[in-house]
């Protein structure tokens, strides 16, 4: 786990601005195992950010796809046998090739088998776990408090990116709060899944997982704020946020980011 580096913590808006340009310049490949309702939207968000998504679930070929990727997303939203098998193969490929990967343990609060699988995945080297308060409680076995997130990150070595009215990112030593975003983001299916994929994309270009996760959440949150200024409702918002991501520039991001250390 990284030592605390205050200059980087307070430089998150600038780091996010730099990552916007880095993603477009280098187009990281992100392989996504995600749920059936999220695949197309997640792919479009990654494309808007300048990344190259792939989505195959075949256990016969997913290892090769991950090996040629720069980062992996393992999303448990559709917990069918095919995705469970594919996730196991993909995680082992990521570990073998030293690729960063993100766990999004969707709905583990509603399924004990899914929660048990998520705990196993954390132990297998997830760099970041991105989840909501109910999912954190199921994963960690306690309420999703600020202190609990810090303790869990410190105990497991995983960076926790906890979503809520304000997002929290912690590695157990450094803790950041991100207050960008808009309520309409909760009204679009796959928004959280796409956000987790964006975290994976940032990990492909930023080795510090705290900075990468915070930068991704700032990007998505600022894009959500811009989209809300143009949208008539949740339907048009879903389109406008993709447009906003595609048009996002470093200056706008640095000016609008609301991050506290």
C-alpha atoms as a PDB file:
ATOM      1  CA  UNK A   1       0.000   0.000   0.000  1.00  0.00           C
ATOM      2  CA  UNK A   2       1.278   3.478  -0.854  1.00  0.00           C
ATOM      3  CA  UNK A   3       2.434   5.877   1.824  1.00  0.00           C
ATOM      4  CA  UNK A   4       0.411   9.031   2.282  1.00  0.00           C
ATOM      5  CA  UNK A   5       1.394  11.679  -0.265  1.00  0.00           C
ATOM      6  CA  UNK A   6      -0.496  14.899   0.505  1.00  0.00           C
ATOM      7  CA  UNK A   7       0.687  16.700  -2.632  1.00  0.00           C
ATOM      8  CA  UNK A   8      -0.975  14.016  -4.755  1.00  0.00           C
ATOM      9  CA  UNK A   9      -4.127  13.990  -2.637  1.00  0.00           C
ATOM     10  CA  UNK A  10      -4.644  17.704  -3.113  1.00  0.00           C
ATOM     11  CA  UNK A  11      -3.676  17.428  -6.782  1.00  0.00           C
ATOM     12  CA  UNK A  12      -6.518  15.069  -7.722  1.00  0.00           C
ATOM     13  CA  UNK A  13      -8.292  17.628  -9.957  1.00  0.00           C
ATOM     14  CA  UNK A  14      -5.056  18.149 -11.865  1.00  0.00           C
ATOM     15  CA  UNK A  15      -4.425  14.407 -12.022  1.00  0.00           C
ATOM     16  CA  UNK A  16      -7.934  13.865 -13.371  1.00  0.00           C
ATOM     17  CA  UNK A  17      -7.366  16.565 -15.966  1.00  0.00           C
ATOM     18  CA  UNK A  18      -4.160  14.854 -17.038  1.00  0.00           C
ATOM     19  CA  UNK A  19      -5.876  11.478 -17.250  1.00  0.00           C
ATOM     20  CA  UNK A  20      -8.555  12.863 -19.582  1.00  0.00           C
ATOM     21  CA  UNK A  21      -5.807  13.633 -22.076  1.00  0.00           C
ATOM     22  CA  UNK A  22      -3.899  10.407 -21.361  1.00  0.00           C
ATOM     23  CA  UNK A  23      -6.923   8.198 -22.056  1.00  0.00           C
ATOM     24  CA  UNK A  24      -7.525   9.883 -25.400  1.00  0.00           C
ATOM     25  CA  UNK A  25      -3.869   9.828 -26.355  1.00  0.00           C
ATOM     26  CA  UNK A  26      -3.197   6.189 -25.522  1.00  0.00           C
ATOM     27  CA  UNK A  27      -6.634   4.535 -25.717  1.00  0.00           C
ATOM     28  CA  UNK A  28      -6.285   1.831 -23.046  1.00  0.00           C
ATOM     29  CA  UNK A  29      -8.036  -1.460 -23.678  1.00  0.00           C
ATOM     30  CA  UNK A  30     -10.468  -2.361 -20.907  1.00  0.00           C
ATOM     31  CA  UNK A  31     -12.032  -5.809 -20.783  1.00  0.00           C
ATOM     32  CA  UNK A  32     -15.402  -5.755 -19.038  1.00  0.00           C
ATOM     33  CA  UNK A  33     -17.309  -8.602 -17.483  1.00  0.00           C
ATOM     34  CA  UNK A  34     -20.560  -6.855 -16.716  1.00  0.00           C
ATOM     35  CA  UNK A  35     -24.280  -7.459 -16.491  1.00  0.00           C
ATOM     36  CA  UNK A  36     -26.569  -7.798 -19.459  1.00  0.00           C
ATOM     37  CA  UNK A  37     -28.314  -4.429 -19.030  1.00  0.00           C
ATOM     38  CA  UNK A  38     -24.999  -2.568 -18.756  1.00  0.00           C
ATOM     39  CA  UNK A  39     -22.889  -3.831 -21.639  1.00  0.00           C
ATOM     40  CA  UNK A  40     -23.776  -1.363 -24.382  1.00  0.00           C
ATOM     41  CA  UNK A  41     -23.870   1.691 -22.114  1.00  0.00           C
ATOM     42  CA  UNK A  42     -20.572   0.770 -20.479  1.00  0.00           C
ATOM     43  CA  UNK A  43     -18.946   0.333 -23.881  1.00  0.00           C
ATOM     44  CA  UNK A  44     -20.224   3.725 -25.038  1.00  0.00           C
ATOM     45  CA  UNK A  45     -18.938   5.479 -21.905  1.00  0.00           C
ATOM     46  CA  UNK A  46     -15.497   3.944 -22.408  1.00  0.00           C
ATOM     47  CA  UNK A  47     -15.480   4.919 -26.073  1.00  0.00           C
ATOM     48  CA  UNK A  48     -16.458   8.481 -25.168  1.00  0.00           C
ATOM     49  CA  UNK A  49     -13.485   8.631 -22.803  1.00  0.00           C
ATOM     50  CA  UNK A  50     -11.145   7.456 -25.556  1.00  0.00           C
ATOM     51  CA  UNK A  51     -10.809   3.833 -24.447  1.00  0.00           C
ATOM     52  CA  UNK A  52     -11.203   0.528 -26.282  1.00  0.00           C
ATOM     53  CA  UNK A  53     -13.764  -1.795 -24.629  1.00  0.00           C
ATOM     54  CA  UNK A  54     -14.148  -5.540 -25.062  1.00  0.00           C
ATOM     55  CA  UNK A  55     -16.884  -7.699 -23.550  1.00  0.00           C
ATOM     56  CA  UNK A  56     -16.496 -11.376 -24.462  1.00  0.00           C
ATOM     57  CA  UNK A  57     -17.581 -13.892 -21.825  1.00  0.00           C
ATOM     58  CA  UNK A  58     -16.381 -17.105 -23.438  1.00  0.00           C
ATOM     59  CA  UNK A  59     -14.219 -19.025 -20.992  1.00  0.00           C
ATOM     60  CA  UNK A  60     -12.272 -20.342 -23.999  1.00  0.00           C
ATOM     61  CA  UNK A  61     -11.150 -16.909 -25.190  1.00  0.00           C
ATOM     62  CA  UNK A  62     -11.467 -14.487 -22.304  1.00  0.00           C
ATOM     63  CA  UNK A  63      -7.953 -15.230 -21.061  1.00  0.00           C
ATOM     64  CA  UNK A  64      -6.523 -14.015 -24.347  1.00  0.00           C
ATOM     65  CA  UNK A  65      -8.692 -10.905 -24.330  1.00  0.00           C
ATOM     66  CA  UNK A  66      -7.563 -10.007 -20.816  1.00  0.00           C
ATOM     67  CA  UNK A  67      -3.924 -10.709 -21.650  1.00  0.00           C
ATOM     68  CA  UNK A  68      -4.087  -8.144 -24.454  1.00  0.00           C
ATOM     69  CA  UNK A  69      -5.977  -5.587 -22.338  1.00  0.00           C
ATOM     70  CA  UNK A  70      -4.621  -2.892 -20.047  1.00  0.00           C
ATOM     71  CA  UNK A  71      -7.189  -3.354 -17.262  1.00  0.00           C
ATOM     72  CA  UNK A  72     -10.143  -5.533 -16.258  1.00  0.00           C
ATOM     73  CA  UNK A  73     -13.578  -4.890 -14.765  1.00  0.00           C
ATOM     74  CA  UNK A  74     -15.312  -7.749 -12.940  1.00  0.00           C
ATOM     75  CA  UNK A  75     -18.940  -6.765 -12.376  1.00  0.00           C
ATOM     76  CA  UNK A  76     -21.228  -9.299 -10.667  1.00  0.00           C
ATOM     77  CA  UNK A  77     -24.534  -7.801 -11.785  1.00  0.00           C
ATOM     78  CA  UNK A  78     -25.552 -10.907 -13.741  1.00  0.00           C
ATOM     79  CA  UNK A  79     -24.317 -13.800 -11.631  1.00  0.00           C
ATOM     80  CA  UNK A  80     -24.931 -16.670 -14.037  1.00  0.00           C
ATOM     81  CA  UNK A  81     -22.648 -19.721 -14.437  1.00  0.00           C
ATOM     82  CA  UNK A  82     -21.084 -18.347 -17.629  1.00  0.00           C
ATOM     83  CA  UNK A  83     -20.052 -15.073 -16.027  1.00  0.00           C
ATOM     84  CA  UNK A  84     -18.857 -16.734 -12.851  1.00  0.00           C
ATOM     85  CA  UNK A  85     -16.596 -19.073 -14.841  1.00  0.00           C
ATOM     86  CA  UNK A  86     -15.416 -16.249 -17.064  1.00  0.00           C
ATOM     87  CA  UNK A  87     -14.613 -14.091 -14.044  1.00  0.00           C
ATOM     88  CA  UNK A  88     -12.406 -16.774 -12.546  1.00  0.00           C
ATOM     89  CA  UNK A  89     -10.442 -17.183 -15.771  1.00  0.00           C
ATOM     90  CA  UNK A  90     -10.194 -13.426 -16.319  1.00  0.00           C
ATOM     91  CA  UNK A  91      -8.940 -12.684 -12.810  1.00  0.00           C
ATOM     92  CA  UNK A  92      -6.256 -15.340 -13.082  1.00  0.00           C
ATOM     93  CA  UNK A  93      -5.172 -13.895 -16.434  1.00  0.00           C
ATOM     94  CA  UNK A  94      -5.023 -10.417 -14.914  1.00  0.00           C
ATOM     95  CA  UNK A  95      -2.945 -11.710 -12.012  1.00  0.00           C
ATOM     96  CA  UNK A  96      -0.592 -13.582 -14.342  1.00  0.00           C
ATOM     97  CA  UNK A  97      -0.005 -10.500 -16.494  1.00  0.00           C
ATOM     98  CA  UNK A  98       0.078  -8.066 -13.541  1.00  0.00           C
ATOM     99  CA  UNK A  99      -2.894  -6.090 -14.855  1.00  0.00           C
ATOM    100  CA  UNK A 100      -4.985  -3.881 -12.549  1.00  0.00           C
ATOM    101  CA  UNK A 101      -8.589  -4.902 -12.085  1.00  0.00           C
ATOM    102  CA  UNK A 102     -11.707  -3.510 -10.463  1.00  0.00           C
ATOM    103  CA  UNK A 103     -14.423  -5.428  -8.629  1.00  0.00           C
ATOM    104  CA  UNK A 104     -17.997  -4.106  -8.770  1.00  0.00           C
ATOM    105  CA  UNK A 105     -19.951  -6.445  -6.439  1.00  0.00           C
ATOM    106  CA  UNK A 106     -23.434  -5.518  -7.634  1.00  0.00           C
ATOM    107  CA  UNK A 107     -26.343  -6.646  -5.420  1.00  0.00           C
ATOM    108  CA  UNK A 108     -24.240  -8.830  -3.119  1.00  0.00           C
ATOM    109  CA  UNK A 109     -26.517  -7.562  -0.351  1.00  0.00           C
ATOM    110  CA  UNK A 110     -29.318  -9.631  -1.929  1.00  0.00           C
ATOM    111  CA  UNK A 111     -27.439 -12.877  -2.512  1.00  0.00           C
ATOM    112  CA  UNK A 112     -25.209 -14.685   0.014  1.00  0.00           C
ATOM    113  CA  UNK A 113     -23.536 -16.842  -2.692  1.00  0.00           C
ATOM    114  CA  UNK A 114     -22.703 -13.722  -4.675  1.00  0.00           C
ATOM    115  CA  UNK A 115     -21.335 -12.052  -1.539  1.00  0.00           C
ATOM    116  CA  UNK A 116     -19.126 -15.054  -0.777  1.00  0.00           C
ATOM    117  CA  UNK A 117     -17.778 -14.991  -4.328  1.00  0.00           C
ATOM    118  CA  UNK A 118     -17.053 -11.265  -4.009  1.00  0.00           C
ATOM    119  CA  UNK A 119     -15.073 -11.830  -0.806  1.00  0.00           C
ATOM    120  CA  UNK A 120     -13.001 -14.469  -2.593  1.00  0.00           C
ATOM    121  CA  UNK A 121     -12.330 -12.046  -5.453  1.00  0.00           C
ATOM    122  CA  UNK A 122     -11.129  -9.330  -3.079  1.00  0.00           C
ATOM    123  CA  UNK A 123      -8.644 -11.822  -1.669  1.00  0.00           C
ATOM    124  CA  UNK A 124      -7.418 -12.582  -5.205  1.00  0.00           C
ATOM    125  CA  UNK A 125      -5.961  -9.159  -5.743  1.00  0.00           C
ATOM    126  CA  UNK A 126      -8.613  -6.649  -6.762  1.00  0.00           C
ATOM    127  CA  UNK A 127      -6.975  -3.231  -6.941  1.00  0.00           C
ATOM    128  CA  UNK A 128     -10.217  -1.297  -6.352  1.00  0.00           C
ATOM    129  CA  UNK A 129     -13.652  -2.348  -5.150  1.00  0.00           C
ATOM    130  CA  UNK A 130     -16.371   0.098  -6.171  1.00  0.00           C
ATOM    131  CA  UNK A 131     -19.693  -0.339  -4.404  1.00  0.00           C
ATOM    132  CA  UNK A 132     -22.618   1.306  -2.628  1.00  0.00           C
ATOM    133  CA  UNK A 133     -23.419   1.321   1.082  1.00  0.00           C
ATOM    134  CA  UNK A 134     -25.602  -1.802   1.080  1.00  0.00           C
ATOM    135  CA  UNK A 135     -23.007  -3.752  -0.899  1.00  0.00           C
ATOM    136  CA  UNK A 136     -20.236  -2.635   1.441  1.00  0.00           C
ATOM    137  CA  UNK A 137     -22.222  -3.825   4.466  1.00  0.00           C
ATOM    138  CA  UNK A 138     -22.627  -7.254   2.848  1.00  0.00           C
ATOM    139  CA  UNK A 139     -18.967  -7.448   1.861  1.00  0.00           C
ATOM    140  CA  UNK A 140     -17.432  -6.164   5.093  1.00  0.00           C
ATOM    141  CA  UNK A 141     -20.041  -7.366   7.554  1.00  0.00           C
ATOM    142  CA  UNK A 142     -20.882  -3.982   9.023  1.00  0.00           C
ATOM    143  CA  UNK A 143     -22.381  -0.599   8.310  1.00  0.00           C
ATOM    144  CA  UNK A 144     -20.757   1.522   5.601  1.00  0.00           C
ATOM    145  CA  UNK A 145     -19.340   4.234   7.802  1.00  0.00           C
ATOM    146  CA  UNK A 146     -16.353   6.402   6.984  1.00  0.00           C
ATOM    147  CA  UNK A 147     -14.323   4.599   9.634  1.00  0.00           C
ATOM    148  CA  UNK A 148     -15.429   1.140   8.457  1.00  0.00           C
ATOM    149  CA  UNK A 149     -14.356   1.832   4.875  1.00  0.00           C
ATOM    150  CA  UNK A 150     -10.924   2.962   6.058  1.00  0.00           C
ATOM    151  CA  UNK A 151     -10.543  -0.093   8.294  1.00  0.00           C
ATOM    152  CA  UNK A 152     -11.626  -2.476   5.529  1.00  0.00           C
ATOM    153  CA  UNK A 153      -9.199  -0.960   3.032  1.00  0.00           C
ATOM    154  CA  UNK A 154      -6.373  -1.159   5.540  1.00  0.00           C
ATOM    155  CA  UNK A 155      -7.157  -4.788   6.423  1.00  0.00           C
ATOM    156  CA  UNK A 156      -7.541  -6.083   2.862  1.00  0.00           C
ATOM    157  CA  UNK A 157      -5.131  -3.920   0.882  1.00  0.00           C
ATOM    158  CA  UNK A 158      -7.862  -2.992  -1.597  1.00  0.00           C
ATOM    159  CA  UNK A 159      -8.835   0.590  -2.392  1.00  0.00           C
ATOM    160  CA  UNK A 160     -12.471   1.202  -1.480  1.00  0.00           C
ATOM    161  CA  UNK A 161     -14.493   3.510  -3.728  1.00  0.00           C
ATOM    162  CA  UNK A 162     -17.776   3.937  -1.864  1.00  0.00           C
ATOM    163  CA  UNK A 163     -20.588   5.703  -3.696  1.00  0.00           C
ATOM    164  CA  UNK A 164     -23.206   7.873  -2.049  1.00  0.00           C
ATOM    165  CA  UNK A 165     -24.337  11.478  -1.766  1.00  0.00           C
ATOM    166  CA  UNK A 166     -20.595  12.093  -1.655  1.00  0.00           C
ATOM    167  CA  UNK A 167     -18.202   9.437  -2.935  1.00  0.00           C
ATOM    168  CA  UNK A 168     -15.401   8.235  -0.684  1.00  0.00           C
ATOM    169  CA  UNK A 169     -12.110   6.736  -1.853  1.00  0.00           C
ATOM    170  CA  UNK A 170      -9.649   5.278   0.639  1.00  0.00           C
ATOM    171  CA  UNK A 171      -6.686   2.927   0.847  1.00  0.00           C
ATOM    172  CA  UNK A 172      -6.774   2.933   4.643  1.00  0.00           C
ATOM    173  CA  UNK A 173      -4.178   5.693   4.862  1.00  0.00           C
ATOM    174  CA  UNK A 174      -5.390   8.362   2.459  1.00  0.00           C
ATOM    175  CA  UNK A 175      -9.068   9.247   2.219  1.00  0.00           C
ATOM    176  CA  UNK A 176     -10.717  11.472  -0.379  1.00  0.00           C
ATOM    177  CA  UNK A 177     -14.273  12.743  -0.666  1.00  0.00           C
ATOM    178  CA  UNK A 178     -15.668  13.619  -4.104  1.00  0.00           C
ATOM    179  CA  UNK A 179     -18.797  15.750  -4.303  1.00  0.00           C
ATOM    180  CA  UNK A 180     -19.279  15.926  -8.058  1.00  0.00           C
ATOM    181  CA  UNK A 181     -22.347  14.447  -9.727  1.00  0.00           C
ATOM    182  CA  UNK A 182     -26.083  14.933 -10.121  1.00  0.00           C
ATOM    183  CA  UNK A 183     -29.200  13.072  -8.823  1.00  0.00           C
ATOM    184  CA  UNK A 184     -30.143  12.082 -12.397  1.00  0.00           C
ATOM    185  CA  UNK A 185     -27.150   9.751 -12.405  1.00  0.00           C
ATOM    186  CA  UNK A 186     -29.113   7.444 -10.102  1.00  0.00           C
ATOM    187  CA  UNK A 187     -31.956   7.324 -12.653  1.00  0.00           C
ATOM    188  CA  UNK A 188     -29.950   5.767 -15.496  1.00  0.00           C
ATOM    189  CA  UNK A 189     -29.369   2.025 -15.451  1.00  0.00           C
ATOM    190  CA  UNK A 190     -25.737   0.961 -15.869  1.00  0.00           C
ATOM    191  CA  UNK A 191     -24.372   4.313 -14.682  1.00  0.00           C
ATOM    192  CA  UNK A 192     -22.533   2.719 -11.770  1.00  0.00           C
ATOM    193  CA  UNK A 193     -21.272  -0.128 -13.944  1.00  0.00           C
ATOM    194  CA  UNK A 194     -19.928   2.342 -16.481  1.00  0.00           C
ATOM    195  CA  UNK A 195     -18.297   4.315 -13.691  1.00  0.00           C
ATOM    196  CA  UNK A 196     -16.486   1.207 -12.492  1.00  0.00           C
ATOM    197  CA  UNK A 197     -15.240   0.594 -16.029  1.00  0.00           C
ATOM    198  CA  UNK A 198     -13.924   4.155 -16.092  1.00  0.00           C
ATOM    199  CA  UNK A 199     -12.056   3.447 -12.840  1.00  0.00           C
ATOM    200  CA  UNK A 200     -10.433   0.455 -14.563  1.00  0.00           C
ATOM    201  CA  UNK A 201      -9.486   2.641 -17.519  1.00  0.00           C
ATOM    202  CA  UNK A 202      -7.807   5.174 -15.243  1.00  0.00           C
ATOM    203  CA  UNK A 203      -5.933   2.376 -13.467  1.00  0.00           C
ATOM    204  CA  UNK A 204      -4.470   1.443 -16.835  1.00  0.00           C
ATOM    205  CA  UNK A 205      -2.742   4.850 -16.991  1.00  0.00           C
ATOM    206  CA  UNK A 206      -2.306   5.780 -13.303  1.00  0.00           C
ATOM    207  CA  UNK A 207      -0.618   3.223 -11.018  1.00  0.00           C
ATOM    208  CA  UNK A 208      -1.759   4.931  -7.817  1.00  0.00           C
ATOM    209  CA  UNK A 209      -5.164   3.342  -7.305  1.00  0.00           C
ATOM    210  CA  UNK A 210      -6.441   6.075  -4.977  1.00  0.00           C
ATOM    211  CA  UNK A 211      -5.674   8.764  -7.538  1.00  0.00           C
ATOM    212  CA  UNK A 212      -7.021   6.662 -10.425  1.00  0.00           C
ATOM    213  CA  UNK A 213     -10.313   5.859  -8.678  1.00  0.00           C
ATOM    214  CA  UNK A 214     -10.848   9.430  -7.496  1.00  0.00           C
ATOM    215  CA  UNK A 215     -10.017  10.838 -10.933  1.00  0.00           C
ATOM    216  CA  UNK A 216     -12.503   8.517 -12.632  1.00  0.00           C
ATOM    217  CA  UNK A 217     -15.281   9.499 -10.225  1.00  0.00           C
ATOM    218  CA  UNK A 218     -14.492  13.183 -10.756  1.00  0.00           C
ATOM    219  CA  UNK A 219     -14.651  12.720 -14.546  1.00  0.00           C
ATOM    220  CA  UNK A 220     -17.995  10.984 -14.399  1.00  0.00           C
ATOM    221  CA  UNK A 221     -19.396  13.388 -11.818  1.00  0.00           C
ATOM    222  CA  UNK A 222     -18.407  16.506 -13.741  1.00  0.00           C
ATOM    223  CA  UNK A 223     -19.803  15.009 -16.948  1.00  0.00           C
ATOM    224  CA  UNK A 224     -23.036  14.310 -15.047  1.00  0.00           C
ATOM    225  CA  UNK A 225     -23.283  17.919 -13.914  1.00  0.00           C
ATOM    226  CA  UNK A 226     -22.756  19.207 -17.445  1.00  0.00           C
ATOM    227  CA  UNK A 227     -25.255  16.706 -18.851  1.00  0.00           C
ATOM    228  CA  UNK A 228     -27.898  17.748 -16.317  1.00  0.00           C
ATOM    229  CA  UNK A 229     -27.651  21.346 -17.516  1.00  0.00           C
ATOM    230  CA  UNK A 230     -28.732  20.196 -20.993  1.00  0.00           C
ATOM    231  CA  UNK A 231     -31.090  17.276 -20.337  1.00  0.00           C
ATOM    232  CA  UNK A 232     -34.877  17.324 -20.184  1.00  0.00           C
ATOM    233  CA  UNK A 233     -35.032  14.156 -18.090  1.00  0.00           C
ATOM    234  CA  UNK A 234     -33.330  10.847 -17.420  1.00  0.00           C
ATOM    235  CA  UNK A 235     -33.618   9.622 -21.012  1.00  0.00           C
ATOM    236  CA  UNK A 236     -31.860  12.567 -22.620  1.00  0.00           C
ATOM    237  CA  UNK A 237     -29.491  12.737 -19.646  1.00  0.00           C
ATOM    238  CA  UNK A 238     -28.176   9.251 -20.482  1.00  0.00           C
ATOM    239  CA  UNK A 239     -27.182  10.533 -23.915  1.00  0.00           C
ATOM    240  CA  UNK A 240     -25.897  13.916 -22.776  1.00  0.00           C
ATOM    241  CA  UNK A 241     -23.517  12.412 -20.222  1.00  0.00           C
ATOM    242  CA  UNK A 242     -21.821  10.411 -22.988  1.00  0.00           C
ATOM    243  CA  UNK A 243     -21.547  13.585 -25.054  1.00  0.00           C
ATOM    244  CA  UNK A 244     -20.185  15.440 -22.027  1.00  0.00           C
ATOM    245  CA  UNK A 245     -17.528  12.803 -21.430  1.00  0.00           C
ATOM    246  CA  UNK A 246     -16.469  12.924 -25.058  1.00  0.00           C
ATOM    247  CA  UNK A 247     -16.160  16.721 -24.945  1.00  0.00           C
ATOM    248  CA  UNK A 248     -14.650  16.978 -21.462  1.00  0.00           C
ATOM    249  CA  UNK A 249     -11.460  19.034 -21.412  1.00  0.00           C
ATOM    250  CA  UNK A 250      -8.760  19.327 -18.794  1.00  0.00           C
ATOM    251  CA  UNK A 251      -9.507  22.954 -17.889  1.00  0.00           C
ATOM    252  CA  UNK A 252     -13.217  22.306 -17.263  1.00  0.00           C
ATOM    253  CA  UNK A 253     -12.425  19.243 -15.196  1.00  0.00           C
ATOM    254  CA  UNK A 254      -9.836  21.000 -13.056  1.00  0.00           C
ATOM    255  CA  UNK A 255     -12.162  23.953 -12.422  1.00  0.00           C
ATOM    256  CA  UNK A 256     -15.292  21.945 -11.577  1.00  0.00           C
ATOM    257  CA  UNK A 257     -13.744  19.145  -9.512  1.00  0.00           C
ATOM    258  CA  UNK A 258     -14.835  19.147  -5.865  1.00  0.00           C
ATOM    259  CA  UNK A 259     -12.441  16.960  -3.927  1.00  0.00           C
ATOM    260  CA  UNK A 260     -11.516  17.075  -0.246  1.00  0.00           C
ATOM    261  CA  UNK A 261      -8.701  15.187   1.408  1.00  0.00           C
END
